[in-house]
Every structure is written in structure tokens, then in C-alpha cells.
PDB file of N, CA and C in Angstrom:
ATOM      1  N   MET A   1      91.942 188.308 202.786  1.00  0.00           N
ATOM      2  CA  MET A   1      92.192 186.889 202.640  1.00  0.00           C
ATOM      3  C   MET A   1      93.106 186.668 201.431  1.00  0.00           C
ATOM      4  N   ASP A   2      94.224 185.957 201.645  1.00  0.00           N
ATOM      5  CA  ASP A   2      95.153 185.668 200.569  1.00  0.00           C
ATOM      6  C   ASP A   2      94.591 184.589 199.667  1.00  0.00           C
ATOM      7  N   SER A   3      94.853 184.732 198.373  1.00  0.00           N
ATOM      8  CA  SER A   3      94.421 183.689 197.449  1.00  0.00           C
ATOM      9  C   SER A   3      95.562 182.703 197.255  1.00  0.00           C
ATOM     10  N   ALA A   4      95.232 181.501 196.867  1.00  0.00           N
ATOM     11  CA  ALA A   4      96.237 180.463 196.632  1.00  0.00           C
ATOM     12  C   ALA A   4      97.052 180.835 195.399  1.00  0.00           C
ATOM     13  N   PRO A   5      98.346 180.491 195.399  1.00  0.00           N
ATOM     14  CA  PRO A   5      99.164 180.796 194.218  1.00  0.00           C
ATOM     15  C   PRO A   5      98.723 179.970 193.021  1.00  0.00           C
ATOM     16  N   ASP A   6      98.972 180.521 191.837  1.00  0.00           N
ATOM     17  CA  ASP A   6      98.690 179.779 190.612  1.00  0.00           C
ATOM     18  C   ASP A   6      99.609 178.574 190.534  1.00  0.00           C
ATOM     19  N   ILE A   7      99.091 177.480 190.073  1.00  0.00           N
ATOM     20  CA  ILE A   7      99.877 176.260 189.902  1.00  0.00           C
ATOM     21  C   ILE A   7      99.715 175.808 188.457  1.00  0.00           C
ATOM     22  N   ILE A   8     100.834 175.462 187.827  1.00  0.00           N
ATOM     23  CA  ILE A   8     100.831 174.903 186.482  1.00  0.00           C
ATOM     24  C   ILE A   8     101.153 173.422 186.616  1.00  0.00           C
ATOM     25  N   ILE A   9     100.308 172.576 186.050  1.00  0.00           N
ATOM     26  CA  ILE A   9     100.537 171.134 186.092  1.00  0.00           C
ATOM     27  C   ILE A   9     101.125 170.709 184.752  1.00  0.00           C
ATOM     28  N   LEU A  10     102.325 170.105 184.805  1.00  0.00           N
ATOM     29  CA  LEU A  10     102.981 169.604 183.600  1.00  0.00           C
ATOM     30  C   LEU A  10     103.128 168.094 183.709  1.00  0.00           C
ATOM     31  N   THR A  11     103.214 167.445 182.573  1.00  0.00           N
ATOM     32  CA  THR A  11     103.431 166.000 182.526  1.00  0.00           C
ATOM     33  C   THR A  11     104.858 165.761 182.064  1.00  0.00           C
ATOM     34  N   ASN A  12     105.617 164.986 182.871  1.00  0.00           N
ATOM     35  CA  ASN A  12     107.008 164.727 182.494  1.00  0.00           C
ATOM     36  C   ASN A  12     107.093 163.569 181.511  1.00  0.00           C
ATOM     37  N   ASP A  13     108.320 163.223 181.114  1.00  0.00           N
ATOM     38  CA  ASP A  13     108.524 162.165 180.124  1.00  0.00           C
ATOM     39  C   ASP A  13     108.028 160.807 180.594  1.00  0.00           C
ATOM     40  N   SER A  14     107.918 160.626 181.919  1.00  0.00           N
ATOM     41  CA  SER A  14     107.442 159.357 182.484  1.00  0.00           C
ATOM     42  C   SER A  14     105.928 159.327 182.632  1.00  0.00           C
ATOM     43  N   GLY A  15     105.262 160.416 182.234  1.00  0.00           N
ATOM     44  CA  GLY A  15     103.809 160.485 182.336  1.00  0.00           C
ATOM     45  C   GLY A  15     103.318 160.951 183.699  1.00  0.00           C
ATOM     46  N   GLU A  16     104.236 161.324 184.598  1.00  0.00           N
ATOM     47  CA  GLU A  16     103.847 161.815 185.915  1.00  0.00           C
ATOM     48  C   GLU A  16     103.473 163.288 185.833  1.00  0.00           C
ATOM     49  N   ARG A  17     102.450 163.651 186.597  1.00  0.00           N
ATOM     50  CA  ARG A  17     102.027 165.044 186.658  1.00  0.00           C
ATOM     51  C   ARG A  17     102.803 165.736 187.772  1.00  0.00           C
ATOM     52  N   VAL A  18     103.372 166.904 187.443  1.00  0.00           N
ATOM     53  CA  VAL A  18     104.186 167.650 188.397  1.00  0.00           C
ATOM     54  C   VAL A  18     103.661 169.080 188.457  1.00  0.00           C
ATOM     55  N   GLY A  19     103.438 169.586 189.668  1.00  0.00           N
ATOM     56  CA  GLY A  19     102.951 170.947 189.848  1.00  0.00           C
ATOM     57  C   GLY A  19     104.095 171.938 189.999  1.00  0.00           C
ATOM     58  N   PHE A  20     103.963 173.090 189.343  1.00  0.00           N
ATOM     59  CA  PHE A  20     104.961 174.151 189.422  1.00  0.00           C
ATOM     60  C   PHE A  20     104.278 175.474 189.735  1.00  0.00           C
ATOM     61  N   GLN A  21     104.955 176.294 190.512  1.00  0.00           N
ATOM     62  CA  GLN A  21     104.491 177.648 190.779  1.00  0.00           C
ATOM     63  C   GLN A  21     105.274 178.601 189.881  1.00  0.00           C
ATOM     64  N   PRO A  22     104.584 179.434 189.113  1.00  0.00           N
ATOM     65  CA  PRO A  22     105.288 180.400 188.260  1.00  0.00           C
ATOM     66  C   PRO A  22     106.023 181.434 189.104  1.00  0.00           C
ATOM     67  N   VAL A  23     107.263 181.712 188.725  1.00  0.00           N
ATOM     68  CA  VAL A  23     108.068 182.724 189.388  1.00  0.00           C
ATOM     69  C   VAL A  23     108.130 183.976 188.527  1.00  0.00           C
ATOM     70  N   ALA A  24     108.397 183.800 187.229  1.00  0.00           N
ATOM     71  CA  ALA A  24     108.525 184.956 186.331  1.00  0.00           C
ATOM     72  C   ALA A  24     108.415 184.507 184.880  1.00  0.00           C
ATOM     73  N   THR A  25     108.045 185.449 184.028  1.00  0.00           N
ATOM     74  CA  THR A  25     108.088 185.276 182.583  1.00  0.00           C
ATOM     75  C   THR A  25     109.141 186.250 182.075  1.00  0.00           C
ATOM     76  N   VAL A  26     110.090 185.745 181.289  1.00  0.00           N
ATOM     77  CA  VAL A  26     111.240 186.546 180.864  1.00  0.00           C
ATOM     78  C   VAL A  26     111.417 186.433 179.351  1.00  0.00           C
ATOM     79  N   PRO A  27     111.365 187.557 178.630  1.00  0.00           N
ATOM     80  CA  PRO A  27     111.678 187.514 177.198  1.00  0.00           C
ATOM     81  C   PRO A  27     113.194 187.517 177.011  1.00  0.00           C
ATOM     82  N   PHE A  28     113.672 186.713 176.071  1.00  0.00           N
ATOM     83  CA  PHE A  28     115.102 186.669 175.783  1.00  0.00           C
ATOM     84  C   PHE A  28     115.306 186.109 174.382  1.00  0.00           C
ATOM     85  N   GLY A  29     116.106 186.785 173.595  1.00  0.00           N
ATOM     86  CA  GLY A  29     116.458 186.310 172.263  1.00  0.00           C
ATOM     87  C   GLY A  29     115.271 186.111 171.342  1.00  0.00           C
ATOM     88  N   GLY A  30     114.239 186.942 171.493  1.00  0.00           N
ATOM     89  CA  GLY A  30     113.058 186.830 170.652  1.00  0.00           C
ATOM     90  C   GLY A  30     112.098 185.732 171.072  1.00  0.00           C
ATOM     91  N   LEU A  31     112.394 185.038 172.156  1.00  0.00           N
ATOM     92  CA  LEU A  31     111.531 183.977 172.669  1.00  0.00           C
ATOM     93  C   LEU A  31     111.055 184.342 174.073  1.00  0.00           C
ATOM     94  N   THR A  32     110.108 183.578 174.576  1.00  0.00           N
ATOM     95  CA  THR A  32     109.601 183.783 175.924  1.00  0.00           C
ATOM     96  C   THR A  32     109.957 182.571 176.767  1.00  0.00           C
ATOM     97  N   TYR A  33     110.411 182.839 177.973  1.00  0.00           N
ATOM     98  CA  TYR A  33     110.770 181.781 178.917  1.00  0.00           C
ATOM     99  C   TYR A  33     110.008 182.000 180.218  1.00  0.00           C
ATOM    100  N   MET A  34     109.732 180.909 180.909  1.00  0.00           N
ATOM    101  CA  MET A  34     109.121 180.988 182.232  1.00  0.00           C
ATOM    102  C   MET A  34     110.048 180.330 183.239  1.00  0.00           C
ATOM    103  N   ILE A  35     110.174 180.965 184.398  1.00  0.00           N
ATOM    104  CA  ILE A  35     110.890 180.372 185.515  1.00  0.00           C
ATOM    105  C   ILE A  35     109.825 179.776 186.423  1.00  0.00           C
ATOM    106  N   LEU A  36     109.942 178.471 186.669  1.00  0.00           N
ATOM    107  CA  LEU A  36     108.955 177.755 187.476  1.00  0.00           C
ATOM    108  C   LEU A  36     109.651 177.033 188.633  1.00  0.00           C
ATOM    109  N   ARG A  37     108.983 177.006 189.794  1.00  0.00           N
ATOM    110  CA  ARG A  37     109.494 176.311 190.973  1.00  0.00           C
ATOM    111  C   ARG A  37     108.556 175.147 191.279  1.00  0.00           C
ATOM    112  N   PRO A  38     109.105 173.933 191.463  1.00  0.00           N
ATOM    113  CA  PRO A  38     108.247 172.785 191.776  1.00  0.00           C
ATOM    114  C   PRO A  38     107.499 172.998 193.100  1.00  0.00           C
ATOM    115  N   VAL A  39     106.257 172.571 193.138  1.00  0.00           N
ATOM    116  CA  VAL A  39     105.437 172.696 194.341  1.00  0.00           C
ATOM    117  C   VAL A  39     105.877 171.667 195.385  1.00  0.00           C
ATOM    118  N   THR A  40     106.248 170.490 194.938  1.00  0.00           N
ATOM    119  CA  THR A  40     106.730 169.437 195.834  1.00  0.00           C
ATOM    120  C   THR A  40     108.159 169.082 195.428  1.00  0.00           C
ATOM    121  N   PRO A  41     108.948 168.574 196.376  1.00  0.00           N
ATOM    122  CA  PRO A  41     110.342 168.243 196.044  1.00  0.00           C
ATOM    123  C   PRO A  41     110.437 167.284 194.865  1.00  0.00           C
ATOM    124  N   MET A  42     111.454 167.540 194.033  1.00  0.00           N
ATOM    125  CA  MET A  42     111.703 166.695 192.873  1.00  0.00           C
ATOM    126  C   MET A  42     113.014 165.951 193.075  1.00  0.00           C
ATOM    127  N   GLU A  43     113.064 164.744 192.578  1.00  0.00           N
ATOM    128  CA  GLU A  43     114.290 163.958 192.648  1.00  0.00           C
ATOM    129  C   GLU A  43     115.402 164.682 191.897  1.00  0.00           C
ATOM    130  N   GLY A  44     116.557 164.803 192.543  1.00  0.00           N
ATOM    131  CA  GLY A  44     117.704 165.430 191.909  1.00  0.00           C
ATOM    132  C   GLY A  44     117.724 166.940 191.994  1.00  0.00           C
ATOM    133  N   ALA A  45     116.741 167.545 192.670  1.00  0.00           N
ATOM    134  CA  ALA A  45     116.686 169.000 192.802  1.00  0.00           C
ATOM    135  C   ALA A  45     116.687 169.374 194.277  1.00  0.00           C
ATOM    136  N   ASP A  46     117.369 170.465 194.590  1.00  0.00           N
ATOM    137  CA  ASP A  46     117.363 170.973 195.954  1.00  0.00           C
ATOM    138  C   ASP A  46     116.083 171.749 196.208  1.00  0.00           C
ATOM    139  N   GLU A  47     115.684 171.819 197.479  1.00  0.00           N
ATOM    140  CA  GLU A  47     114.493 172.585 197.834  1.00  0.00           C
ATOM    141  C   GLU A  47     114.712 174.043 197.440  1.00  0.00           C
ATOM    142  N   GLY A  48     113.733 174.633 196.811  1.00  0.00           N
ATOM    143  CA  GLY A  48     113.821 176.019 196.381  1.00  0.00           C
ATOM    144  C   GLY A  48     114.387 176.208 194.981  1.00  0.00           C
ATOM    145  N   ASP A  49     114.880 175.134 194.358  1.00  0.00           N
ATOM    146  CA  ASP A  49     115.379 175.246 192.987  1.00  0.00           C
ATOM    147  C   ASP A  49     114.251 175.672 192.053  1.00  0.00           C
ATOM    148  N   ALA A  50     114.608 176.409 191.031  1.00  0.00           N
ATOM    149  CA  ALA A  50     113.654 176.796 189.992  1.00  0.00           C
ATOM    150  C   ALA A  50     114.231 176.378 188.648  1.00  0.00           C
ATOM    151  N   PHE A  51     113.349 176.206 187.682  1.00  0.00           N
ATOM    152  CA  PHE A  51     113.739 175.718 186.366  1.00  0.00           C
ATOM    153  C   PHE A  51     113.249 176.676 185.297  1.00  0.00           C
ATOM    154  N   VAL A  52     113.966 176.711 184.173  1.00  0.00           N
ATOM    155  CA  VAL A  52     113.596 177.565 183.050  1.00  0.00           C
ATOM    156  C   VAL A  52     112.942 176.704 181.977  1.00  0.00           C
ATOM    157  N   PHE A  53     111.793 177.174 181.503  1.00  0.00           N
ATOM    158  CA  PHE A  53     111.046 176.499 180.434  1.00  0.00           C
ATOM    159  C   PHE A  53     110.857 177.472 179.285  1.00  0.00           C
ATOM    160  N   SER A  54     111.024 176.994 178.059  1.00  0.00           N
ATOM    161  CA  SER A  54     110.706 177.818 176.896  1.00  0.00           C
ATOM    162  C   SER A  54     109.214 177.681 176.612  1.00  0.00           C
ATOM    163  N   VAL A  55     108.634 178.775 176.143  1.00  0.00           N
ATOM    164  CA  VAL A  55     107.203 178.807 175.831  1.00  0.00           C
ATOM    165  C   VAL A  55     107.054 178.786 174.316  1.00  0.00           C
ATOM    166  N   SER A  56     106.308 177.809 173.813  1.00  0.00           N
ATOM    167  CA  SER A  56     106.025 177.705 172.385  1.00  0.00           C
ATOM    168  C   SER A  56     104.524 177.826 172.178  1.00  0.00           C
ATOM    169  N   ASN A  57     104.135 178.655 171.255  1.00  0.00           N
ATOM    170  CA  ASN A  57     102.721 178.773 170.900  1.00  0.00           C
ATOM    171  C   ASN A  57     102.499 178.016 169.606  1.00  0.00           C
ATOM    172  N   VAL A  58     101.548 177.099 169.628  1.00  0.00           N
ATOM    173  CA  VAL A  58     101.301 176.233 168.485  1.00  0.00           C
ATOM    174  C   VAL A  58      99.849 176.364 168.046  1.00  0.00           C
ATOM    175  N   ASP A  59      99.652 176.530 166.753  1.00  0.00           N
ATOM    176  CA  ASP A  59      98.314 176.521 166.169  1.00  0.00           C
ATOM    177  C   ASP A  59      98.156 175.201 165.429  1.00  0.00           C
ATOM    178  N   GLY A  60      97.407 174.277 166.029  1.00  0.00           N
ATOM    179  CA  GLY A  60      97.199 172.971 165.422  1.00  0.00           C
ATOM    180  C   GLY A  60      95.839 172.860 164.781  1.00  0.00           C
ATOM    181  N   ASP A  61      95.533 171.666 164.312  1.00  0.00           N
ATOM    182  CA  ASP A  61      94.256 171.423 163.651  1.00  0.00           C
ATOM    183  C   ASP A  61      93.086 171.434 164.631  1.00  0.00           C
ATOM    184  N   GLY A  62      93.306 170.921 165.831  1.00  0.00           N
ATOM    185  CA  GLY A  62      92.233 170.849 166.824  1.00  0.00           C
ATOM    186  C   GLY A  62      92.570 171.661 168.051  1.00  0.00           C
ATOM    187  N   GLU A  63      91.560 171.857 168.907  1.00  0.00           N
ATOM    188  CA  GLU A  63      91.740 172.658 170.111  1.00  0.00           C
ATOM    189  C   GLU A  63      92.833 172.089 171.013  1.00  0.00           C
ATOM    190  N   GLN A  64      92.879 170.763 171.163  1.00  0.00           N
ATOM    191  CA  GLN A  64      93.885 170.170 172.041  1.00  0.00           C
ATOM    192  C   GLN A  64      95.266 170.125 171.394  1.00  0.00           C
ATOM    193  N   ASP A  65      95.357 170.454 170.104  1.00  0.00           N
ATOM    194  CA  ASP A  65      96.640 170.535 169.414  1.00  0.00           C
ATOM    195  C   ASP A  65      97.160 171.963 169.353  1.00  0.00           C
ATOM    196  N   SER A  66      96.424 172.902 169.940  1.00  0.00           N
ATOM    197  CA  SER A  66      96.786 174.315 169.897  1.00  0.00           C
ATOM    198  C   SER A  66      96.994 174.839 171.305  1.00  0.00           C
ATOM    199  N   GLY A  67      97.766 175.901 171.401  1.00  0.00           N
ATOM    200  CA  GLY A  67      97.959 176.555 172.687  1.00  0.00           C
ATOM    201  C   GLY A  67      99.421 176.775 172.988  1.00  0.00           C
ATOM    202  N   SER A  68      99.690 177.034 174.257  1.00  0.00           N
ATOM    203  CA  SER A  68     101.059 177.260 174.715  1.00  0.00           C
ATOM    204  C   SER A  68     101.612 175.969 175.291  1.00  0.00           C
ATOM    205  N   PHE A  69     102.830 175.658 174.915  1.00  0.00           N
ATOM    206  CA  PHE A  69     103.491 174.460 175.402  1.00  0.00           C
ATOM    207  C   PHE A  69     104.790 174.871 176.076  1.00  0.00           C
ATOM    208  N   LEU A  70     105.117 174.225 177.182  1.00  0.00           N
ATOM    209  CA  LEU A  70     106.335 174.501 177.926  1.00  0.00           C
ATOM    210  C   LEU A  70     107.297 173.336 177.781  1.00  0.00           C
ATOM    211  N   THR A  71     108.556 173.663 177.509  1.00  0.00           N
ATOM    212  CA  THR A  71     109.598 172.660 177.377  1.00  0.00           C
ATOM    213  C   THR A  71     110.762 173.073 178.270  1.00  0.00           C
ATOM    214  N   MET A  72     111.233 172.142 179.118  1.00  0.00           N
ATOM    215  CA  MET A  72     112.340 172.481 180.007  1.00  0.00           C
ATOM    216  C   MET A  72     113.578 172.820 179.183  1.00  0.00           C
ATOM    217  N   GLU A  73     114.168 173.971 179.481  1.00  0.00           N
ATOM    218  CA  GLU A  73     115.361 174.430 178.775  1.00  0.00           C
ATOM    219  C   GLU A  73     116.576 173.650 179.279  1.00  0.00           C
ATOM    220  N   THR A  74     117.431 173.219 178.354  1.00  0.00           N
ATOM    221  CA  THR A  74     118.621 172.452 178.724  1.00  0.00           C
ATOM    222  C   THR A  74     119.923 173.167 178.368  1.00  0.00           C
ATOM    223  N   ASP A  75     119.829 174.275 177.647  1.00  0.00           N
ATOM    224  CA  ASP A  75     121.023 175.034 177.256  1.00  0.00           C
ATOM    225  C   ASP A  75     121.449 175.917 178.433  1.00  0.00           C
ATOM    226  N   ASP A  76     122.592 175.600 179.034  1.00  0.00           N
ATOM    227  CA  ASP A  76     123.062 176.328 180.214  1.00  0.00           C
ATOM    228  C   ASP A  76     123.245 177.818 179.942  1.00  0.00           C
ATOM    229  N   ASP A  77     123.663 178.190 178.738  1.00  0.00           N
ATOM    230  CA  ASP A  77     123.835 179.605 178.408  1.00  0.00           C
ATOM    231  C   ASP A  77     122.500 180.341 178.442  1.00  0.00           C
ATOM    232  N   VAL A  78     121.462 179.718 177.910  1.00  0.00           N
ATOM    233  CA  VAL A  78     120.126 180.323 177.926  1.00  0.00           C
ATOM    234  C   VAL A  78     119.619 180.403 179.365  1.00  0.00           C
ATOM    235  N   ILE A  79     119.786 179.339 180.125  1.00  0.00           N
ATOM    236  CA  ILE A  79     119.332 179.322 181.527  1.00  0.00           C
ATOM    237  C   ILE A  79     120.011 180.448 182.305  1.00  0.00           C
ATOM    238  N   ASP A  80     121.332 180.578 182.155  1.00  0.00           N
ATOM    239  CA  ASP A  80     122.068 181.627 182.860  1.00  0.00           C
ATOM    240  C   ASP A  80     121.577 183.014 182.453  1.00  0.00           C
ATOM    241  N   ALA A  81     121.325 183.214 181.163  1.00  0.00           N
ATOM    242  CA  ALA A  81     120.859 184.513 180.671  1.00  0.00           C
ATOM    243  C   ALA A  81     119.471 184.842 181.212  1.00  0.00           C
ATOM    244  N   VAL A  82     118.570 183.868 181.230  1.00  0.00           N
ATOM    245  CA  VAL A  82     117.208 184.100 181.725  1.00  0.00           C
ATOM    246  C   VAL A  82     117.243 184.454 183.207  1.00  0.00           C
ATOM    247  N   PHE A  83     118.025 183.722 184.010  1.00  0.00           N
ATOM    248  CA  PHE A  83     118.118 184.039 185.434  1.00  0.00           C
ATOM    249  C   PHE A  83     118.772 185.412 185.647  1.00  0.00           C
ATOM    250  N   ALA A  84     119.779 185.761 184.827  1.00  0.00           N
ATOM    251  CA  ALA A  84     120.417 187.073 184.948  1.00  0.00           C
ATOM    252  C   ALA A  84     119.405 188.180 184.669  1.00  0.00           C
ATOM    253  N   LEU A  85     118.622 188.047 183.625  1.00  0.00           N
ATOM    254  CA  LEU A  85     117.596 189.043 183.307  1.00  0.00           C
ATOM    255  C   LEU A  85     116.565 189.141 184.426  1.00  0.00           C
ATOM    256  N   TYR A  86     116.160 188.001 184.966  1.00  0.00           N
ATOM    257  CA  TYR A  86     115.194 187.985 186.068  1.00  0.00           C
ATOM    258  C   TYR A  86     115.740 188.738 187.277  1.00  0.00           C
ATOM    259  N   GLU A  87     117.033 188.579 187.530  1.00  0.00           N
ATOM    260  CA  GLU A  87     117.655 189.223 188.681  1.00  0.00           C
ATOM    261  C   GLU A  87     118.025 190.683 188.410  1.00  0.00           C
ATOM    262  N   GLY A  88     117.752 191.158 187.188  1.00  0.00           N
ATOM    263  CA  GLY A  88     117.991 192.553 186.851  1.00  0.00           C
ATOM    264  C   GLY A  88     119.388 192.823 186.337  1.00  0.00           C
ATOM    265  N   ALA A  89     120.139 191.780 186.026  1.00  0.00           N
ATOM    266  CA  ALA A  89     121.498 191.949 185.508  1.00  0.00           C
ATOM    267  C   ALA A  89     121.491 191.768 184.000  1.00  0.00           C
ATOM    268  N   GLU A  90     122.593 192.159 183.381  1.00  0.00           N
ATOM    269  CA  GLU A  90     122.755 191.928 181.951  1.00  0.00           C
ATOM    270  C   GLU A  90     123.039 190.446 181.729  1.00  0.00           C
ATOM    271  N   PRO A  91     122.453 189.845 180.691  1.00  0.00           N
ATOM    272  CA  PRO A  91     122.749 188.439 180.417  1.00  0.00           C
ATOM    273  C   PRO A  91     124.194 188.285 179.984  1.00  0.00           C
ATOM    274  N   PRO A  92     124.793 187.126 180.263  1.00  0.00           N
ATOM    275  CA  PRO A  92     126.169 186.870 179.823  1.00  0.00           C
ATOM    276  C   PRO A  92     126.280 186.947 178.304  1.00  0.00           C
ATOM    277  N   GLU A  93     127.444 187.364 177.821  1.00  0.00           N
ATOM    278  CA  GLU A  93     127.699 187.417 176.374  1.00  0.00           C
ATOM    279  C   GLU A  93     127.666 186.004 175.809  1.00  0.00           C
ATOM    280  N   ARG A  94     127.129 185.867 174.575  1.00  0.00           N
ATOM    281  CA  ARG A  94     127.101 184.557 173.920  1.00  0.00           C
ATOM    282  C   ARG A  94     128.082 184.517 172.810  1.00  0.00           C
TER     283      ARG A  94
END
């Protein structure tokens, strides 16, 4: 029996909850990035599109202020490099 895929629920800037399926975790430039694919279609994205998120680990004062946080990456050079590494190619020169 197959198990259901892991789903990560993120809250966007509008306060909407959006589900993503993890595709890969990729280290690059001393940081960690995750490639995530939306579970349901998103406005402005084609079906099957995936997005790159940077992973930040934060130690805060309280439990809800600590943990891993994901932020959508907007630097095209970083996005291209992360996808290149995921696909097994060398990242583009910076």
C-alpha cells in the first residue's frame, strides 16, 4: 500500500494556506534550499511548476519563534543554480 506524499503547508503574504509537495533539498552556497511543487494550481503558475525556497533555521525565545522557516527565493541566479544542481548539472557561474 502506497503512503500519501508529504505535504508542507505554507501561509502566503495574503494569509492563505497553500500546500506544497517537497521535490528535493539542495545545498548551495553554504545555504539549504528546497524545491517545492504546489499541490493545487496557483495563480500565475503553470501546472507542474516548482518553486525554490530558502531554508532558515531560527532560535527564538519561544517554541513558536524557533524552527525552520521557508522563504520563496526571488534571485533568478540562485533559482537557476539550485535547479541545475537538482538536475545533476554544474550551477551557472556567478
